[in-house]
Amino acid sequence: MVGGNDFIEGKVKKLCDSFEAALSKNLLKSKKQLSNGEDVDCSSSSSSFKRALLSSKKFGLSRFNSINLPGTEDRIVVYFTSLRGIRRTYEDCYTVRMILRGFRVPVDERDISMDSAYRKELLSVLGEKTVSLPRVFIRGKYVGGAEEIKQLHEGGELVKLLKGFPLRDPRLVCESCGDARFVPCLNCSGSRKIFCEEEDVMRRCLDCNENGLMRCPNCCH
């Protein structure tokens, strides 16, 4: 089992090294654009995003533009898994997260292995019974999975979709969750049960998920 983990970690390290080299080359071209992201007004940012979506048709992504994730018009959302059970899926999730982190933009990362509600949410939005990971939404619009993100990045279209987002310091890590995006429930301490004094019985805590976790109140809003 240990040998298998070492093999996966070795592959992931090679993947990381190769992407860091590719990212450094591509980001040099786009860094100047994104560095002024905070100064871009909403109308300009929205127009750039629409033009980028239209441009993405050449990558075969036009069919995705009609799928929306309500309430996320101001952010980048990535559904992924941190489990390493399926190597290809884990590497695809890692790759997409690395690409987006290379642009230093804030990303709402939703780990379905930590909270099954995210899986149900994604299936509902996509209208599918099963779903492969990762899946990416930008400003509420569905962009695609690993292959689509890699194509957009290599074609120089991804930087246009990300234009207007504020930049974050990659050295900053959430002190509460370590960027895991989840913390043990503050109400039940992760036990998933609370004592109801009125009824003198134990009840299921409604503030946490099936793992006794809740979204980090410091970095997830």
Protein backbone atom coordinates (compact mmCIF):
# COMPACT_ATOMS: atom_id res chain seq x y z
CA MET A 1 0.00 0.00 0.00
CA VAL A 2 2.85 2.33 0.89
CA GLY A 3 4.58 1.54 -2.38
CA GLY A 4 1.43 2.47 -4.28
CA ASN A 5 1.21 5.82 -2.50
CA ASP A 6 4.88 6.53 -3.25
CA PHE A 7 4.26 5.77 -6.93
CA ILE A 8 1.26 8.14 -7.07
CA GLU A 9 3.14 10.89 -5.21
CA GLY A 10 6.05 10.48 -7.64
CA LYS A 11 3.74 10.84 -10.62
CA VAL A 12 2.04 13.85 -9.06
CA LYS A 13 5.41 15.49 -8.38
CA LYS A 14 6.45 15.00 -12.01
CA LEU A 15 3.10 16.42 -13.10
CA CYS A 16 3.55 19.38 -10.78
CA ASP A 17 7.05 20.09 -12.08
CA SER A 18 5.93 19.95 -15.70
CA PHE A 19 3.00 22.29 -15.07
CA GLU A 20 5.08 24.74 -13.12
CA ALA A 21 7.40 25.02 -16.12
CA ALA A 22 4.48 25.45 -18.52
CA LEU A 23 2.70 27.88 -16.24
CA SER A 24 5.73 30.09 -15.83
CA LYS A 25 5.97 30.47 -19.60
CA ASN A 26 2.27 31.17 -20.17
CA LEU A 27 1.80 33.36 -17.12
CA LEU A 28 4.59 35.71 -18.16
CA LYS A 29 2.38 36.71 -21.09
CA SER A 30 -0.76 37.12 -19.03
CA LYS A 31 0.62 38.45 -15.74
CA LYS A 32 0.40 42.05 -16.87
CA GLN A 33 -3.29 41.62 -17.71
CA LEU A 34 -4.23 40.08 -14.39
CA SER A 35 -2.08 42.36 -12.27
CA ASN A 36 -4.53 45.15 -13.02
CA GLY A 37 -7.54 42.96 -12.26
CA GLU A 38 -8.64 45.01 -9.24
CA ASP A 39 -8.80 48.14 -11.33
CA VAL A 40 -11.11 46.66 -13.95
CA ASP A 41 -14.65 47.94 -13.62
CA CYS A 42 -17.56 45.49 -13.59
CA SER A 43 -18.86 46.40 -17.05
CA SER A 44 -15.43 45.99 -18.61
CA SER A 45 -14.87 42.70 -16.81
CA SER A 46 -18.27 41.39 -17.87
CA SER A 47 -17.66 42.36 -21.49
CA SER A 48 -14.28 40.65 -21.50
CA PHE A 49 -15.84 37.53 -20.03
CA LYS A 50 -18.57 37.43 -22.70
CA ARG A 51 -15.99 37.86 -25.45
CA ALA A 52 -13.91 35.05 -23.95
CA LEU A 53 -16.95 32.75 -23.84
CA LEU A 54 -17.66 33.45 -27.48
CA SER A 55 -14.02 32.83 -28.32
CA SER A 56 -14.15 29.51 -26.46
CA LYS A 57 -16.47 28.11 -29.13
CA LYS A 58 -13.44 27.14 -31.16
CA PHE A 59 -12.55 24.75 -28.33
CA GLY A 60 -15.96 23.09 -28.57
CA LEU A 61 -17.21 24.63 -25.34
CA SER A 62 -20.24 26.54 -26.61
CA ARG A 63 -22.66 23.84 -25.44
CA PHE A 64 -21.56 24.46 -21.84
CA ASN A 65 -22.43 28.16 -21.78
CA SER A 66 -26.11 27.55 -21.01
CA ILE A 67 -25.37 25.73 -17.72
CA ASN A 68 -25.39 28.08 -14.73
CA LEU A 69 -24.50 27.70 -11.06
CA PRO A 70 -26.79 30.12 -9.15
CA GLY A 71 -25.24 32.46 -6.61
CA THR A 72 -21.69 32.21 -7.94
CA GLU A 73 -21.65 35.07 -10.46
CA ASP A 74 -18.79 36.75 -8.57
CA ARG A 75 -16.44 33.80 -8.20
CA ILE A 76 -14.58 30.80 -9.60
CA VAL A 77 -15.89 27.45 -8.38
CA VAL A 78 -14.09 24.12 -8.70
CA TYR A 79 -15.71 20.83 -7.76
CA PHE A 80 -13.00 18.25 -7.08
CA THR A 81 -11.98 15.38 -4.85
CA SER A 82 -8.96 15.12 -2.57
CA LEU A 83 -9.20 11.32 -2.45
CA ARG A 84 -6.47 9.41 -4.28
CA GLY A 85 -8.46 6.23 -4.89
CA ILE A 86 -8.64 6.81 -8.66
CA ARG A 87 -5.27 8.12 -9.84
CA ARG A 88 -6.48 9.73 -13.08
CA THR A 89 -9.25 11.64 -11.32
CA TYR A 90 -6.94 12.82 -8.57
CA GLU A 91 -4.31 13.99 -11.07
CA ASP A 92 -6.92 15.81 -13.17
CA CYS A 93 -8.20 17.61 -10.07
CA TYR A 94 -4.67 18.47 -9.01
CA THR A 95 -3.81 19.76 -12.48
CA VAL A 96 -6.81 22.10 -12.70
CA ARG A 97 -6.24 23.45 -9.20
CA MET A 98 -2.57 24.07 -10.00
CA ILE A 99 -3.44 25.94 -13.20
CA LEU A 100 -5.91 28.22 -11.42
CA ARG A 101 -3.55 28.79 -8.49
CA GLY A 102 -0.92 29.85 -10.98
CA PHE A 103 -3.08 32.86 -11.83
CA ARG A 104 -3.26 33.82 -8.13
CA VAL A 105 -7.02 34.32 -8.22
CA PRO A 106 -9.31 33.30 -5.33
CA VAL A 107 -11.05 29.99 -5.99
CA ASP A 108 -14.04 28.49 -4.21
CA GLU A 109 -12.87 24.86 -3.99
CA ARG A 110 -15.65 22.37 -3.24
CA ASP A 111 -14.34 18.96 -2.24
CA ILE A 112 -17.11 16.39 -2.73
CA SER A 113 -15.16 13.84 -0.68
CA MET A 114 -15.53 16.14 2.33
CA ASP A 115 -19.20 16.94 1.84
CA SER A 116 -21.67 14.86 -0.17
CA ALA A 117 -23.94 17.90 -0.53
CA TYR A 118 -21.51 19.26 -3.12
CA ARG A 119 -21.91 16.13 -5.22
CA LYS A 120 -25.71 16.42 -5.10
CA GLU A 121 -25.44 20.11 -5.94
CA LEU A 122 -23.23 19.42 -8.96
CA LEU A 123 -25.40 16.57 -10.26
CA SER A 124 -28.47 18.80 -9.97
CA VAL A 125 -26.89 21.68 -11.88
CA LEU A 126 -25.53 19.47 -14.67
CA GLY A 127 -28.68 17.34 -14.82
CA GLU A 128 -26.68 14.11 -14.74
CA LYS A 129 -26.80 10.92 -12.66
CA THR A 130 -23.04 10.50 -12.55
CA VAL A 131 -20.27 13.02 -12.95
CA SER A 132 -16.52 12.98 -13.48
CA LEU A 133 -14.23 15.43 -11.75
CA PRO A 134 -13.07 18.15 -11.74
CA ARG A 135 -15.75 20.58 -12.94
CA VAL A 136 -15.19 24.33 -13.19
CA PHE A 137 -17.58 27.28 -13.16
CA ILE A 138 -16.47 30.86 -13.77
CA ARG A 139 -18.84 33.71 -12.92
CA GLY A 140 -21.67 31.21 -12.65
CA LYS A 141 -21.07 29.76 -16.13
CA TYR A 142 -20.02 26.15 -16.60
CA VAL A 143 -16.65 26.01 -18.34
CA GLY A 144 -15.84 22.30 -18.26
CA GLY A 145 -13.50 19.72 -16.83
CA ALA A 146 -9.77 19.05 -16.91
CA GLU A 147 -9.43 18.80 -20.69
CA GLU A 148 -11.38 22.01 -21.34
CA ILE A 149 -9.38 23.96 -18.77
CA LYS A 150 -6.08 22.72 -20.21
CA GLN A 151 -7.20 23.63 -23.73
CA LEU A 152 -8.30 27.10 -22.67
CA HIS A 153 -5.06 27.64 -20.77
CA GLU A 154 -2.83 26.48 -23.60
CA GLY A 155 -4.82 28.55 -26.09
CA GLY A 156 -4.56 31.72 -24.01
CA GLU A 157 -8.32 31.96 -23.45
CA LEU A 158 -8.35 31.12 -19.75
CA VAL A 159 -6.62 34.35 -18.76
CA LYS A 160 -9.41 36.27 -20.51
CA LEU A 161 -12.07 34.40 -18.55
CA LEU A 162 -10.24 35.25 -15.32
CA LYS A 163 -9.76 38.91 -16.09
CA GLY A 164 -11.21 41.19 -13.43
CA PHE A 165 -10.83 38.86 -10.46
CA PRO A 166 -8.76 40.23 -7.55
CA LEU A 167 -5.35 38.72 -6.95
CA ARG A 168 -4.41 36.93 -3.74
CA ASP A 169 -1.03 36.39 -2.15
CA PRO A 170 -0.19 32.68 -2.75
CA ARG A 171 1.83 32.69 0.48
CA LEU A 172 -1.25 33.38 2.59
CA VAL A 173 -2.79 30.28 4.13
CA CYS A 174 -5.96 30.27 6.23
CA GLU A 175 -4.97 30.00 9.88
CA SER A 176 -8.19 28.20 10.79
CA CYS A 177 -8.33 25.40 8.23
CA GLY A 178 -4.96 25.43 6.47
CA ASP A 179 -6.79 25.99 3.16
CA ALA A 180 -8.70 22.71 3.60
CA ARG A 181 -11.90 24.82 3.49
CA PHE A 182 -13.43 22.74 6.30
CA VAL A 183 -13.13 22.72 10.10
CA PRO A 184 -14.66 20.48 12.81
CA CYS A 185 -18.16 21.69 13.62
CA LEU A 186 -18.05 24.55 16.11
CA ASN A 187 -21.41 23.51 17.55
CA CYS A 188 -20.84 19.79 18.23
CA SER A 189 -17.02 19.57 17.89
CA GLY A 190 -17.41 17.05 15.07
CA SER A 191 -19.52 14.53 16.99
CA ARG A 192 -22.61 15.32 14.87
CA LYS A 193 -24.74 15.18 18.01
CA ILE A 194 -25.97 17.80 20.47
CA PHE A 195 -27.90 17.42 23.66
CA CYS A 196 -31.43 18.85 23.65
CA GLU A 197 -32.12 19.99 27.20
CA GLU A 198 -35.84 20.52 26.59
CA GLU A 199 -36.39 16.93 25.48
CA ASP A 200 -33.48 15.42 27.44
CA VAL A 201 -32.26 13.52 24.34
CA MET A 202 -29.37 13.63 21.87
CA ARG A 203 -30.19 15.18 18.52
CA ARG A 204 -28.41 15.32 15.18
CA CYS A 205 -26.43 18.55 14.84
CA LEU A 206 -27.80 20.61 11.95
CA ASP A 207 -24.72 22.81 11.57
CA CYS A 208 -22.36 20.17 10.12
CA ASN A 209 -22.26 17.56 7.36
CA GLU A 210 -22.04 13.77 7.48
CA ASN A 211 -18.38 13.99 8.50
CA GLY A 212 -18.94 16.38 11.39
CA LEU A 213 -17.39 19.22 9.38
CA MET A 214 -18.51 22.70 8.44
CA ARG A 215 -17.23 25.23 5.94
CA CYS A 216 -14.45 27.33 7.37
CA PRO A 217 -16.04 30.57 8.64
CA ASN A 218 -12.82 32.51 8.05
CA CYS A 219 -12.07 31.80 4.39
CA CYS A 220 -15.36 30.51 2.96
CA HIS A 221 -18.20 32.97 2.57
